[in-house]
Amino acid sequence: MKLARLRDTDRAPLRLNLEGQEISALEGDTLLTALLAGGAGHLRESEFGDGHRAGFCLMGACQDCWVSVEGLGRVRACATLARDGMRVRRG
């Protein structure tokens, strides 16, 4: 599922790489917003077998949206701003 942007579409464009897939984002997006709006669909599989996960608290308090960013290590996608050229891996 790809989220649809409804506003703030006039910000400068960014390009990210998620495991070889190019993702379009906008300046000011968090990584979570950029990845989900860019078509990533999900960030990880649920350890309880109930499907895909894409973040839970959305404010940096849980561990549901961890991703690995080249040069930064493991970060919370909901609390990390996207930057042009970021290379991201799930989990």
PDB file of N, CA and C in Angstrom:
ATOM      1  N   MET A   1       0.846  -1.184   0.000  1.00  0.00           N
ATOM      2  CA  MET A   1       0.000   0.000   0.000  1.00  0.00           C
ATOM      3  C   MET A   1       0.883   1.236   0.000  1.00  0.00           C
ATOM      4  N   LYS A   2       0.591   2.180  -0.838  1.00  0.00           N
ATOM      5  CA  LYS A   2       1.314   3.443  -0.898  1.00  0.00           C
ATOM      6  C   LYS A   2       0.418   4.542  -0.362  1.00  0.00           C
ATOM      7  N   LEU A   3       0.946   5.331   0.554  1.00  0.00           N
ATOM      8  CA  LEU A   3       0.192   6.457   1.089  1.00  0.00           C
ATOM      9  C   LEU A   3       0.159   7.576   0.061  1.00  0.00           C
ATOM     10  N   ALA A   4      -0.888   8.382   0.095  1.00  0.00           N
ATOM     11  CA  ALA A   4      -1.019   9.507  -0.828  1.00  0.00           C
ATOM     12  C   ALA A   4      -0.783  10.821  -0.085  1.00  0.00           C
ATOM     13  N   ARG A   5       0.063  11.672  -0.639  1.00  0.00           N
ATOM     14  CA  ARG A   5       0.300  12.992  -0.050  1.00  0.00           C
ATOM     15  C   ARG A   5      -0.870  13.899  -0.394  1.00  0.00           C
ATOM     16  N   LEU A   6      -1.377  14.581   0.602  1.00  0.00           N
ATOM     17  CA  LEU A   6      -2.513  15.470   0.386  1.00  0.00           C
ATOM     18  C   LEU A   6      -2.132  16.940   0.474  1.00  0.00           C
ATOM     19  N   ARG A   7      -0.954  17.225   1.061  1.00  0.00           N
ATOM     20  CA  ARG A   7      -0.541  18.615   1.211  1.00  0.00           C
ATOM     21  C   ARG A   7       0.975  18.709   1.309  1.00  0.00           C
ATOM     22  N   ASP A   8       1.483  19.918   1.354  1.00  0.00           N
ATOM     23  CA  ASP A   8       2.918  20.186   1.473  1.00  0.00           C
ATOM     24  C   ASP A   8       3.727  19.504   0.376  1.00  0.00           C
ATOM     25  N   THR A   9       3.195  19.462  -0.819  1.00  0.00           N
ATOM     26  CA  THR A   9       3.869  18.786  -1.922  1.00  0.00           C
ATOM     27  C   THR A   9       4.867  19.686  -2.654  1.00  0.00           C
ATOM     28  N   ASP A  10       4.996  20.941  -2.223  1.00  0.00           N
ATOM     29  CA  ASP A  10       5.887  21.880  -2.897  1.00  0.00           C
ATOM     30  C   ASP A  10       7.289  21.921  -2.295  1.00  0.00           C
ATOM     31  N   ARG A  11       7.612  21.013  -1.362  1.00  0.00           N
ATOM     32  CA  ARG A  11       8.947  20.973  -0.759  1.00  0.00           C
ATOM     33  C   ARG A  11       9.954  20.345  -1.730  1.00  0.00           C
ATOM     34  N   ALA A  12      11.216  20.618  -1.509  1.00  0.00           N
ATOM     35  CA  ALA A  12      12.276  20.111  -2.392  1.00  0.00           C
ATOM     36  C   ALA A  12      12.299  18.581  -2.395  1.00  0.00           C
ATOM     37  N   PRO A  13      12.480  17.971  -3.567  1.00  0.00           N
ATOM     38  CA  PRO A  13      12.506  16.505  -3.649  1.00  0.00           C
ATOM     39  C   PRO A  13      13.824  15.919  -3.159  1.00  0.00           C
ATOM     40  N   LEU A  14      13.745  14.701  -2.632  1.00  0.00           N
ATOM     41  CA  LEU A  14      14.897  13.918  -2.188  1.00  0.00           C
ATOM     42  C   LEU A  14      14.806  12.535  -2.811  1.00  0.00           C
ATOM     43  N   ARG A  15      15.929  11.842  -2.883  1.00  0.00           N
ATOM     44  CA  ARG A  15      15.967  10.450  -3.342  1.00  0.00           C
ATOM     45  C   ARG A  15      16.649   9.615  -2.267  1.00  0.00           C
ATOM     46  N   LEU A  16      16.025   8.509  -1.904  1.00  0.00           N
ATOM     47  CA  LEU A  16      16.579   7.558  -0.947  1.00  0.00           C
ATOM     48  C   LEU A  16      16.713   6.216  -1.636  1.00  0.00           C
ATOM     49  N   ASN A  17      17.474   5.330  -1.030  1.00  0.00           N
ATOM     50  CA  ASN A  17      17.597   3.978  -1.549  1.00  0.00           C
ATOM     51  C   ASN A  17      17.223   3.017  -0.433  1.00  0.00           C
ATOM     52  N   LEU A  18      16.179   2.231  -0.644  1.00  0.00           N
ATOM     53  CA  LEU A  18      15.752   1.215   0.316  1.00  0.00           C
ATOM     54  C   LEU A  18      16.034  -0.144  -0.293  1.00  0.00           C
ATOM     55  N   GLU A  19      17.126  -0.749   0.156  1.00  0.00           N
ATOM     56  CA  GLU A  19      17.496  -2.100  -0.281  1.00  0.00           C
ATOM     57  C   GLU A  19      17.476  -2.233  -1.801  1.00  0.00           C
ATOM     58  N   GLY A  20      18.038  -1.237  -2.494  1.00  0.00           N
ATOM     59  CA  GLY A  20      18.118  -1.266  -3.951  1.00  0.00           C
ATOM     60  C   GLY A  20      16.957  -0.611  -4.679  1.00  0.00           C
ATOM     61  N   GLN A  21      15.908  -0.255  -3.957  1.00  0.00           N
ATOM     62  CA  GLN A  21      14.739   0.391  -4.558  1.00  0.00           C
ATOM     63  C   GLN A  21      14.838   1.894  -4.343  1.00  0.00           C
ATOM     64  N   GLU A  22      14.731   2.671  -5.415  1.00  0.00           N
ATOM     65  CA  GLU A  22      14.754   4.119  -5.278  1.00  0.00           C
ATOM     66  C   GLU A  22      13.426   4.604  -4.724  1.00  0.00           C
ATOM     67  N   ILE A  23      13.509   5.470  -3.730  1.00  0.00           N
ATOM     68  CA  ILE A  23      12.330   6.026  -3.066  1.00  0.00           C
ATOM     69  C   ILE A  23      12.372   7.546  -3.222  1.00  0.00           C
ATOM     70  N   SER A  24      11.285   8.134  -3.682  1.00  0.00           N
ATOM     71  CA  SER A  24      11.167   9.594  -3.760  1.00  0.00           C
ATOM     72  C   SER A  24      10.602  10.108  -2.451  1.00  0.00           C
ATOM     73  N   ALA A  25      11.171  11.207  -1.975  1.00  0.00           N
ATOM     74  CA  ALA A  25      10.722  11.811  -0.720  1.00  0.00           C
ATOM     75  C   ALA A  25      10.746  13.325  -0.882  1.00  0.00           C
ATOM     76  N   LEU A  26      10.341  14.011   0.167  1.00  0.00           N
ATOM     77  CA  LEU A  26      10.369  15.466   0.169  1.00  0.00           C
ATOM     78  C   LEU A  26      11.147  15.962   1.378  1.00  0.00           C
ATOM     79  N   GLU A  27      11.832  17.077   1.202  1.00  0.00           N
ATOM     80  CA  GLU A  27      12.577  17.691   2.301  1.00  0.00           C
ATOM     81  C   GLU A  27      11.642  17.910   3.486  1.00  0.00           C
ATOM     82  N   GLY A  28      12.089  17.516   4.679  1.00  0.00           N
ATOM     83  CA  GLY A  28      11.275  17.650   5.875  1.00  0.00           C
ATOM     84  C   GLY A  28      10.550  16.382   6.270  1.00  0.00           C
ATOM     85  N   ASP A  29      10.534  15.385   5.378  1.00  0.00           N
ATOM     86  CA  ASP A  29       9.926  14.087   5.703  1.00  0.00           C
ATOM     87  C   ASP A  29      10.766  13.357   6.743  1.00  0.00           C
ATOM     88  N   THR A  30      10.117  12.645   7.636  1.00  0.00           N
ATOM     89  CA  THR A  30      10.854  11.670   8.430  1.00  0.00           C
ATOM     90  C   THR A  30      11.129  10.475   7.524  1.00  0.00           C
ATOM     91  N   LEU A  31      12.053   9.625   7.927  1.00  0.00           N
ATOM     92  CA  LEU A  31      12.307   8.416   7.142  1.00  0.00           C
ATOM     93  C   LEU A  31      11.051   7.578   7.025  1.00  0.00           C
ATOM     94  N   LEU A  32      10.277   7.471   8.090  1.00  0.00           N
ATOM     95  CA  LEU A  32       9.058   6.662   8.049  1.00  0.00           C
ATOM     96  C   LEU A  32       8.081   7.207   7.011  1.00  0.00           C
ATOM     97  N   THR A  33       7.849   8.504   7.025  1.00  0.00           N
ATOM     98  CA  THR A  33       6.962   9.120   6.039  1.00  0.00           C
ATOM     99  C   THR A  33       7.500   8.913   4.630  1.00  0.00           C
ATOM    100  N   ALA A  34       8.793   9.147   4.446  1.00  0.00           N
ATOM    101  CA  ALA A  34       9.404   9.009   3.133  1.00  0.00           C
ATOM    102  C   ALA A  34       9.263   7.581   2.603  1.00  0.00           C
ATOM    103  N   LEU A  35       9.554   6.602   3.438  1.00  0.00           N
ATOM    104  CA  LEU A  35       9.504   5.210   2.996  1.00  0.00           C
ATOM    105  C   LEU A  35       8.083   4.755   2.699  1.00  0.00           C
ATOM    106  N   LEU A  36       7.150   5.081   3.572  1.00  0.00           N
ATOM    107  CA  LEU A  36       5.767   4.644   3.350  1.00  0.00           C
ATOM    108  C   LEU A  36       5.108   5.386   2.201  1.00  0.00           C
ATOM    109  N   ALA A  37       5.323   6.706   2.102  1.00  0.00           N
ATOM    110  CA  ALA A  37       4.745   7.476   1.001  1.00  0.00           C
ATOM    111  C   ALA A  37       5.440   7.154  -0.323  1.00  0.00           C
ATOM    112  N   GLY A  38       6.678   6.669  -0.238  1.00  0.00           N
ATOM    113  CA  GLY A  38       7.428   6.333  -1.436  1.00  0.00           C
ATOM    114  C   GLY A  38       7.192   4.931  -1.948  1.00  0.00           C
ATOM    115  N   GLY A  39       6.349   4.176  -1.273  1.00  0.00           N
ATOM    116  CA  GLY A  39       5.976   2.864  -1.767  1.00  0.00           C
ATOM    117  C   GLY A  39       6.606   1.673  -1.083  1.00  0.00           C
ATOM    118  N   ALA A  40       7.313   1.883   0.025  1.00  0.00           N
ATOM    119  CA  ALA A  40       7.961   0.758   0.715  1.00  0.00           C
ATOM    120  C   ALA A  40       6.945  -0.252   1.243  1.00  0.00           C
ATOM    121  N   GLY A  41       5.767   0.206   1.609  1.00  0.00           N
ATOM    122  CA  GLY A  41       4.721  -0.712   2.066  1.00  0.00           C
ATOM    123  C   GLY A  41       4.794  -1.089   3.526  1.00  0.00           C
ATOM    124  N   HIS A  42       5.981  -1.481   3.990  1.00  0.00           N
ATOM    125  CA  HIS A  42       6.144  -1.873   5.396  1.00  0.00           C
ATOM    126  C   HIS A  42       7.622  -1.790   5.768  1.00  0.00           C
ATOM    127  N   LEU A  43       7.899  -1.841   7.060  1.00  0.00           N
ATOM    128  CA  LEU A  43       9.284  -1.804   7.527  1.00  0.00           C
ATOM    129  C   LEU A  43       9.779  -3.150   8.016  1.00  0.00           C
ATOM    130  N   ARG A  44       8.885  -3.989   8.498  1.00  0.00           N
ATOM    131  CA  ARG A  44       9.300  -5.309   8.986  1.00  0.00           C
ATOM    132  C   ARG A  44       8.097  -6.224   9.075  1.00  0.00           C
ATOM    133  N   GLU A  45       8.386  -7.490   9.319  1.00  0.00           N
ATOM    134  CA  GLU A  45       7.338  -8.479   9.546  1.00  0.00           C
ATOM    135  C   GLU A  45       7.091  -8.594  11.050  1.00  0.00           C
ATOM    136  N   SER A  46       5.871  -8.795  11.438  1.00  0.00           N
ATOM    137  CA  SER A  46       5.532  -8.966  12.842  1.00  0.00           C
ATOM    138  C   SER A  46       6.111 -10.273  13.367  1.00  0.00           C
ATOM    139  N   GLU A  47       6.683 -10.222  14.537  1.00  0.00           N
ATOM    140  CA  GLU A  47       7.214 -11.452  15.145  1.00  0.00           C
ATOM    141  C   GLU A  47       6.100 -12.372  15.641  1.00  0.00           C
ATOM    142  N   PHE A  48       4.871 -11.908  15.614  1.00  0.00           N
ATOM    143  CA  PHE A  48       3.732 -12.709  16.066  1.00  0.00           C
ATOM    144  C   PHE A  48       2.982 -13.359  14.897  1.00  0.00           C
ATOM    145  N   GLY A  49       3.499 -13.179  13.672  1.00  0.00           N
ATOM    146  CA  GLY A  49       2.925 -13.818  12.511  1.00  0.00           C
ATOM    147  C   GLY A  49       1.647 -13.192  11.987  1.00  0.00           C
ATOM    148  N   ASP A  50       1.379 -11.947  12.387  1.00  0.00           N
ATOM    149  CA  ASP A  50       0.133 -11.322  11.927  1.00  0.00           C
ATOM    150  C   ASP A  50       0.351 -10.281  10.828  1.00  0.00           C
ATOM    151  N   GLY A  51       1.451 -10.403  10.091  1.00  0.00           N
ATOM    152  CA  GLY A  51       1.624  -9.557   8.905  1.00  0.00           C
ATOM    153  C   GLY A  51       2.693  -8.492   9.011  1.00  0.00           C
ATOM    154  N   HIS A  52       2.567  -7.507   8.141  1.00  0.00           N
ATOM    155  CA  HIS A  52       3.544  -6.428   8.024  1.00  0.00           C
ATOM    156  C   HIS A  52       3.377  -5.403   9.138  1.00  0.00           C
ATOM    157  N   ARG A  53       4.495  -4.752   9.472  1.00  0.00           N
ATOM    158  CA  ARG A  53       4.496  -3.673  10.471  1.00  0.00           C
ATOM    159  C   ARG A  53       5.089  -2.424   9.818  1.00  0.00           C
ATOM    160  N   ALA A  54       4.559  -1.262  10.183  1.00  0.00           N
ATOM    161  CA  ALA A  54       5.039  -0.005   9.601  1.00  0.00           C
ATOM    162  C   ALA A  54       5.128   1.102  10.639  1.00  0.00           C
ATOM    163  N   GLY A  55       5.455   0.755  11.850  1.00  0.00           N
ATOM    164  CA  GLY A  55       5.517   1.754  12.920  1.00  0.00           C
ATOM    165  C   GLY A  55       4.321   1.620  13.839  1.00  0.00           C
ATOM    166  N   PHE A  56       4.509   1.996  15.092  1.00  0.00           N
ATOM    167  CA  PHE A  56       3.440   1.852  16.076  1.00  0.00           C
ATOM    168  C   PHE A  56       3.140   3.185  16.743  1.00  0.00           C
ATOM    169  N   CYS A  57       4.082   3.709  17.523  1.00  0.00           N
ATOM    170  CA  CYS A  57       3.788   4.922  18.293  1.00  0.00           C
ATOM    171  C   CYS A  57       3.953   6.199  17.467  1.00  0.00           C
ATOM    172  N   LEU A  58       4.828   6.160  16.456  1.00  0.00           N
ATOM    173  CA  LEU A  58       5.104   7.286  15.557  1.00  0.00           C
ATOM    174  C   LEU A  58       5.675   8.515  16.269  1.00  0.00           C
ATOM    175  N   MET A  59       6.273   8.311  17.448  1.00  0.00           N
ATOM    176  CA  MET A  59       6.886   9.439  18.168  1.00  0.00           C
ATOM    177  C   MET A  59       8.204   9.062  18.838  1.00  0.00           C
ATOM    178  N   GLY A  60       8.817   7.961  18.430  1.00  0.00           N
ATOM    179  CA  GLY A  60      10.139   7.598  18.918  1.00  0.00           C
ATOM    180  C   GLY A  60      10.185   6.911  20.270  1.00  0.00           C
ATOM    181  N   ALA A  61       9.064   6.409  20.748  1.00  0.00           N
ATOM    182  CA  ALA A  61       9.038   5.784  22.071  1.00  0.00           C
ATOM    183  C   ALA A  61       9.116   4.253  22.030  1.00  0.00           C
ATOM    184  N   CYS A  62       8.788   3.656  20.905  1.00  0.00           N
ATOM    185  CA  CYS A  62       8.815   2.185  20.821  1.00  0.00           C
ATOM    186  C   CYS A  62       9.968   1.744  19.914  1.00  0.00           C
ATOM    187  N   GLN A  63      10.038   0.503  19.594  1.00  0.00           N
ATOM    188  CA  GLN A  63      11.090  -0.024  18.728  1.00  0.00           C
ATOM    189  C   GLN A  63      10.519  -0.618  17.441  1.00  0.00           C
ATOM    190  N   ASP A  64       9.371  -0.181  17.018  1.00  0.00           N
ATOM    191  CA  ASP A  64       8.692  -0.794  15.878  1.00  0.00           C
ATOM    192  C   ASP A  64       9.218  -0.326  14.522  1.00  0.00           C
ATOM    193  N   CYS A  65       9.875   0.816  14.458  1.00  0.00           N
ATOM    194  CA  CYS A  65      10.270   1.354  13.149  1.00  0.00           C
ATOM    195  C   CYS A  65      11.784   1.449  12.968  1.00  0.00           C
ATOM    196  N   TRP A  66      12.553   0.638  13.681  1.00  0.00           N
ATOM    197  CA  TRP A  66      14.004   0.657  13.516  1.00  0.00           C
ATOM    198  C   TRP A  66      14.379   0.321  12.079  1.00  0.00           C
ATOM    199  N   VAL A  67      15.304   1.095  11.520  1.00  0.00           N
ATOM    200  CA  VAL A  67      15.918   0.807  10.226  1.00  0.00           C
ATOM    201  C   VAL A  67      17.414   1.059  10.374  1.00  0.00           C
ATOM    202  N   SER A  68      18.193   0.534   9.455  1.00  0.00           N
ATOM    203  CA  SER A  68      19.638   0.787   9.433  1.00  0.00           C
ATOM    204  C   SER A  68      19.941   1.742   8.296  1.00  0.00           C
ATOM    205  N   VAL A  69      20.682   2.796   8.597  1.00  0.00           N
ATOM    206  CA  VAL A  69      21.059   3.795   7.598  1.00  0.00           C
ATOM    207  C   VAL A  69      22.578   3.791   7.473  1.00  0.00           C
ATOM    208  N   GLU A  70      23.042   3.654   6.238  1.00  0.00           N
ATOM    209  CA  GLU A  70      24.481   3.648   5.996  1.00  0.00           C
ATOM    210  C   GLU A  70      25.115   4.910   6.570  1.00  0.00           C
ATOM    211  N   GLY A  71      26.122   4.735   7.410  1.00  0.00           N
ATOM    212  CA  GLY A  71      26.816   5.859   8.021  1.00  0.00           C
ATOM    213  C   GLY A  71      26.230   6.331   9.338  1.00  0.00           C
ATOM    214  N   LEU A  72      24.996   5.943   9.646  1.00  0.00           N
ATOM    215  CA  LEU A  72      24.350   6.339  10.900  1.00  0.00           C
ATOM    216  C   LEU A  72      24.093   5.157  11.822  1.00  0.00           C
ATOM    217  N   GLY A  73      23.994   3.961  11.247  1.00  0.00           N
ATOM    218  CA  GLY A  73      23.641   2.780  12.038  1.00  0.00           C
ATOM    219  C   GLY A  73      22.143   2.651  12.185  1.00  0.00           C
ATOM    220  N   ARG A  74      21.741   2.089  13.309  1.00  0.00           N
ATOM    221  CA  ARG A  74      20.319   1.808  13.556  1.00  0.00           C
ATOM    222  C   ARG A  74      19.623   3.050  14.111  1.00  0.00           C
ATOM    223  N   VAL A  75      18.530   3.456  13.465  1.00  0.00           N
ATOM    224  CA  VAL A  75      17.782   4.650  13.885  1.00  0.00           C
ATOM    225  C   VAL A  75      16.286   4.355  13.861  1.00  0.00           C
ATOM    226  N   ARG A  76      15.537   5.170  14.568  1.00  0.00           N
ATOM    227  CA  ARG A  76      14.073   5.091  14.500  1.00  0.00           C
ATOM    228  C   ARG A  76      13.616   5.903  13.296  1.00  0.00           C
ATOM    229  N   ALA A  77      12.929   5.259  12.378  1.00  0.00           N
ATOM    230  CA  ALA A  77      12.500   5.929  11.148  1.00  0.00           C
ATOM    231  C   ALA A  77      11.525   7.062  11.420  1.00  0.00           C
ATOM    232  N   CYS A  78      10.730   6.949  12.479  1.00  0.00           N
ATOM    233  CA  CYS A  78       9.727   7.983  12.762  1.00  0.00           C
ATOM    234  C   CYS A  78      10.338   9.252  13.345  1.00  0.00           C
ATOM    235  N   ALA A  79      11.586   9.178  13.826  1.00  0.00           N
ATOM    236  CA  ALA A  79      12.202  10.323  14.489  1.00  0.00           C
ATOM    237  C   ALA A  79      13.467  10.800  13.778  1.00  0.00           C
ATOM    238  N   THR A  80      13.735  10.290  12.579  1.00  0.00           N
ATOM    239  CA  THR A  80      14.937  10.648  11.823  1.00  0.00           C
ATOM    240  C   THR A  80      14.519  11.321  10.523  1.00  0.00           C
ATOM    241  N   LEU A  81      15.040  12.516  10.281  1.00  0.00           N
ATOM    242  CA  LEU A  81      14.710  13.209   9.038  1.00  0.00           C
ATOM    243  C   LEU A  81      15.418  12.561   7.860  1.00  0.00           C
ATOM    244  N   ALA A  82      14.701  12.427   6.763  1.00  0.00           N
ATOM    245  CA  ALA A  82      15.269  11.895   5.529  1.00  0.00           C
ATOM    246  C   ALA A  82      16.241  12.911   4.943  1.00  0.00           C
ATOM    247  N   ARG A  83      17.336  12.401   4.382  1.00  0.00           N
ATOM    248  CA  ARG A  83      18.314  13.246   3.697  1.00  0.00           C
ATOM    249  C   ARG A  83      18.587  12.643   2.323  1.00  0.00           C
ATOM    250  N   ASP A  84      18.825  13.498   1.381  1.00  0.00           N
ATOM    251  CA  ASP A  84      19.080  13.059   0.012  1.00  0.00           C
ATOM    252  C   ASP A  84      20.241  12.066  -0.016  1.00  0.00           C
ATOM    253  N   GLY A  85      20.036  10.958  -0.713  1.00  0.00           N
ATOM    254  CA  GLY A  85      21.083   9.955  -0.886  1.00  0.00           C
ATOM    255  C   GLY A  85      21.175   8.899   0.188  1.00  0.00           C
ATOM    256  N   MET A  86      20.334   8.952   1.212  1.00  0.00           N
ATOM    257  CA  MET A  86      20.387   7.945   2.283  1.00  0.00           C
ATOM    258  C   MET A  86      20.203   6.541   1.714  1.00  0.00           C
ATOM    259  N   ARG A  87      20.973   5.598   2.260  1.00  0.00           N
ATOM    260  CA  ARG A  87      20.851   4.191   1.911  1.00  0.00           C
ATOM    261  C   ARG A  87      20.317   3.478   3.141  1.00  0.00           C
ATOM    262  N   VAL A  88      19.129   2.881   3.010  1.00  0.00           N
ATOM    263  CA  VAL A  88      18.377   2.359   4.147  1.00  0.00           C
ATOM    264  C   VAL A  88      18.127   0.860   3.973  1.00  0.00           C
ATOM    265  N   ARG A  89      18.215   0.135   5.093  1.00  0.00           N
ATOM    266  CA  ARG A  89      17.827  -1.277   5.128  1.00  0.00           C
ATOM    267  C   ARG A  89      16.792  -1.458   6.230  1.00  0.00           C
ATOM    268  N   ARG A  90      15.827  -2.336   5.984  1.00  0.00           N
ATOM    269  CA  ARG A  90      14.826  -2.637   7.015  1.00  0.00           C
ATOM    270  C   ARG A  90      15.501  -3.326   8.192  1.00  0.00           C
ATOM    271  N   GLY A  91      14.905  -3.123   9.376  1.00  0.00           N
ATOM    272  CA  GLY A  91      15.381  -3.818  10.590  1.00  0.00           C
ATOM    273  C   GLY A  91      16.699  -3.378  10.962  1.00  0.00           C
TER     274      GLY A  91
END
